Amino acid sequence: MDSPVTLATGRNGACVITTRPVEPGEILLVLDGALVREPGRHTLQVGEQLHLESPGATWCFIDHACSPNARIELGEGPGHARLRAVVPLAPGASVTFNYLTTEWDMATPFGCTCGAPSCARWIQGARHLDDASLAALRPEVTPHLLALLRSAGRLG
């Protein structure tokens, strides 16, 4: 089956867009790469102290949004991750996920301009969120972030 996404150039540089209509629940990408201990600008946190790295891979260019159209799901073992659509997507739609659902402390924080009513404005990792923001994100947060939040006394 052909990939439903490809690299494109968006308003902020490289981005990932859909190439055909996508239904909610559809897998957009399987994310793979090397496991590293330190976060980087283009890594994805997949464990409490593990990050997936694959320089130049399509998944490295998925944009952040506070109200995203996709989410990261981790499989068995830290090297297994995939991106799943959460809403219907038309061809040419920019694919986004909320970085705060996977990242504890980002290597390169940035200002968010997504415009969502729930916009976090400054994206630097889940450990920096207030309790209300964490509560709203909790259903989407990856297991390693839940464990880190629990260890930090931020969850019951």
Foldseek 3Di string as FASTA:
>chain_A
DDAQWDWDQDPVGIFIFGAAKDAFFDWRFKDAADWDQDADLQWWAQALRITGDDPPDNSSHQAADPDFQWAKDADPDSGTITITGHHIHGGGHTGYYHSQQTFAAHPDKDADDNPDPLGPRIDGYVVPDDLVNCVVCVVRHYPNVVVVCVVVVSDD
